[in-house]
C-alpha atoms as a PDB file:
ATOM      1  CA  MET A   1      36.760 -20.929 -63.152  1.00  0.00           C
ATOM      2  CA  ASN A   2      33.089 -20.687 -62.131  1.00  0.00           C
ATOM      3  CA  VAL A   3      32.274 -21.931 -58.681  1.00  0.00           C
ATOM      4  CA  THR A   4      28.717 -22.480 -57.511  1.00  0.00           C
ATOM      5  CA  VAL A   5      28.119 -22.359 -53.797  1.00  0.00           C
ATOM      6  CA  CYS A   6      24.946 -23.851 -52.377  1.00  0.00           C
ATOM      7  CA  TYR A   7      23.975 -23.488 -48.780  1.00  0.00           C
ATOM      8  CA  ILE A   8      20.875 -24.291 -46.792  1.00  0.00           C
ATOM      9  CA  LEU A   9      19.952 -22.826 -43.440  1.00  0.00           C
ATOM     10  CA  GLY A  10      17.858 -25.100 -41.282  1.00  0.00           C
ATOM     11  CA  GLY A  11      16.737 -25.497 -37.727  1.00  0.00           C
ATOM     12  CA  ASP A  12      14.360 -24.566 -34.957  1.00  0.00           C
ATOM     13  CA  LEU A  13      14.139 -20.807 -35.462  1.00  0.00           C
ATOM     14  CA  ASN A  14      11.165 -20.237 -33.119  1.00  0.00           C
ATOM     15  CA  GLY A  15       9.722 -17.937 -35.745  1.00  0.00           C
ATOM     16  CA  ARG A  16       6.118 -18.187 -36.772  1.00  0.00           C
ATOM     17  CA  ILE A  17       5.538 -16.382 -40.056  1.00  0.00           C
ATOM     18  CA  GLY A  18       1.990 -17.418 -40.907  1.00  0.00           C
ATOM     19  CA  SER A  19       1.104 -16.570 -44.493  1.00  0.00           C
ATOM     20  CA  LYS A  20       3.400 -13.535 -44.674  1.00  0.00           C
ATOM     21  CA  LEU A  21       5.713 -13.363 -47.661  1.00  0.00           C
ATOM     22  CA  ASP A  22       9.392 -14.238 -47.356  1.00  0.00           C
ATOM     23  CA  TYR A  23      10.256 -12.319 -50.527  1.00  0.00           C
ATOM     24  CA  ILE A  24       9.490  -8.985 -52.177  1.00  0.00           C
ATOM     25  CA  PRO A  25       6.726  -9.608 -54.778  1.00  0.00           C
ATOM     26  CA  ASP A  26       7.584  -6.852 -57.261  1.00  0.00           C
ATOM     27  CA  ILE A  27      11.293  -7.701 -57.226  1.00  0.00           C
ATOM     28  CA  ASP A  28      11.741 -11.427 -56.558  1.00  0.00           C
ATOM     29  CA  SER A  29      10.370 -14.188 -58.750  1.00  0.00           C
ATOM     30  CA  ILE A  30       9.606 -16.954 -56.237  1.00  0.00           C
ATOM     31  CA  PRO A  31       6.794 -19.536 -56.344  1.00  0.00           C
ATOM     32  CA  GLY A  32       4.123 -19.186 -53.668  1.00  0.00           C
ATOM     33  CA  ARG A  33       4.185 -21.042 -50.370  1.00  0.00           C
ATOM     34  CA  ARG A  34       1.299 -22.959 -48.754  1.00  0.00           C
ATOM     35  CA  PRO A  35       1.645 -22.441 -44.991  1.00  0.00           C
ATOM     36  CA  LEU A  36       0.131 -24.782 -42.393  1.00  0.00           C
ATOM     37  CA  ASP A  37       0.663 -22.516 -39.394  1.00  0.00           C
ATOM     38  CA  LEU A  38      -1.125 -19.183 -39.805  1.00  0.00           C
ATOM     39  CA  GLN A  39       0.129 -17.613 -36.564  1.00  0.00           C
ATOM     40  CA  THR A  40       2.926 -15.033 -36.412  1.00  0.00           C
ATOM     41  CA  ASN A  41       5.305 -13.828 -33.719  1.00  0.00           C
ATOM     42  CA  THR A  42       8.188 -11.373 -33.330  1.00  0.00           C
ATOM     43  CA  HIS A  43      10.804 -14.052 -34.068  1.00  0.00           C
ATOM     44  CA  GLY A  44       8.967 -14.674 -37.327  1.00  0.00           C
ATOM     45  CA  GLU A  45       9.055 -10.975 -38.210  1.00  0.00           C
ATOM     46  CA  ALA A  46      12.838 -10.945 -37.631  1.00  0.00           C
ATOM     47  CA  LEU A  47      13.224 -14.112 -39.720  1.00  0.00           C
ATOM     48  CA  LEU A  48      11.276 -12.567 -42.609  1.00  0.00           C
ATOM     49  CA  GLU A  49      13.410  -9.421 -42.499  1.00  0.00           C
ATOM     50  CA  PHE A  50      16.589 -11.545 -42.591  1.00  0.00           C
ATOM     51  CA  LEU A  51      15.315 -13.648 -45.506  1.00  0.00           C
ATOM     52  CA  LYS A  52      14.332 -10.630 -47.596  1.00  0.00           C
ATOM     53  CA  GLU A  53      17.636  -8.853 -46.976  1.00  0.00           C
ATOM     54  CA  SER A  54      19.723 -11.954 -47.713  1.00  0.00           C
ATOM     55  CA  LYS A  55      17.695 -12.999 -50.794  1.00  0.00           C
ATOM     56  CA  MET A  56      16.752 -16.323 -49.209  1.00  0.00           C
ATOM     57  CA  CYS A  57      13.384 -18.065 -48.996  1.00  0.00           C
ATOM     58  CA  ILE A  58      11.733 -20.809 -46.973  1.00  0.00           C
ATOM     59  CA  ILE A  59      11.419 -24.219 -48.581  1.00  0.00           C
ATOM     60  CA  ASN A  60       8.672 -25.438 -46.198  1.00  0.00           C
ATOM     61  CA  GLY A  61       5.303 -25.300 -47.955  1.00  0.00           C
ATOM     62  CA  ARG A  62       6.861 -24.438 -51.289  1.00  0.00           C
ATOM     63  CA  ILE A  63       8.478 -27.501 -52.851  1.00  0.00           C
ATOM     64  CA  THR A  64       6.283 -30.428 -51.755  1.00  0.00           C
ATOM     65  CA  PRO A  65       3.509 -28.919 -49.596  1.00  0.00           C
ATOM     66  CA  GLU A  66       1.538 -32.171 -49.695  1.00  0.00           C
ATOM     67  CA  TYR A  67       4.246 -33.720 -47.449  1.00  0.00           C
ATOM     68  CA  ASP A  68       4.510 -30.801 -45.005  1.00  0.00           C
ATOM     69  CA  ASN A  69       3.472 -31.203 -41.408  1.00  0.00           C
ATOM     70  CA  TYR A  70       3.684 -29.304 -38.146  1.00  0.00           C
ATOM     71  CA  THR A  71       7.175 -29.314 -36.641  1.00  0.00           C
ATOM     72  CA  SER A  72       6.074 -28.617 -33.061  1.00  0.00           C
ATOM     73  CA  VAL A  73       3.144 -30.351 -31.383  1.00  0.00           C
ATOM     74  CA  SER A  74       2.483 -29.837 -27.672  1.00  0.00           C
ATOM     75  CA  GLY A  75      -0.297 -29.300 -25.180  1.00  0.00           C
ATOM     76  CA  ARG A  76      -0.280 -25.644 -26.221  1.00  0.00           C
ATOM     77  CA  GLY A  77      -1.006 -26.476 -29.855  1.00  0.00           C
ATOM     78  CA  LYS A  78       0.676 -27.076 -33.195  1.00  0.00           C
ATOM     79  CA  ALA A  79       3.182 -24.830 -34.932  1.00  0.00           C
ATOM     80  CA  VAL A  80       5.765 -24.682 -37.671  1.00  0.00           C
ATOM     81  CA  VAL A  81       8.964 -23.259 -36.190  1.00  0.00           C
ATOM     82  CA  ASP A  82      11.536 -25.487 -37.923  1.00  0.00           C
ATOM     83  CA  TYR A  83      12.455 -24.248 -41.361  1.00  0.00           C
ATOM     84  CA  LEU A  84      14.725 -24.998 -44.276  1.00  0.00           C
ATOM     85  CA  CYS A  85      15.843 -21.865 -46.107  1.00  0.00           C
ATOM     86  CA  THR A  86      17.860 -21.466 -49.276  1.00  0.00           C
ATOM     87  CA  PRO A  87      18.984 -18.662 -51.594  1.00  0.00           C
ATOM     88  CA  HIS A  88      16.554 -17.648 -54.334  1.00  0.00           C
ATOM     89  CA  THR A  89      18.935 -18.970 -56.981  1.00  0.00           C
END
């Protein structure tokens, strides 16, 4: 019996990844992502490392970028820190 498991990781991850890649270009075949938030931080670096090692990618900016928006707006500015992530498959 073949069983397909689908999972999605989502939430406020406090990671800002800017336009950095969440996959390995010469190995993974993933469509590009159009980011809104171009800033990065150390939480974002850790998130990217996790995604690459677990063969997952961010959905934000990739599936329907025309509907994307900032997920954090405050007096300090706008950011995207809430993500939906899914396996490459």
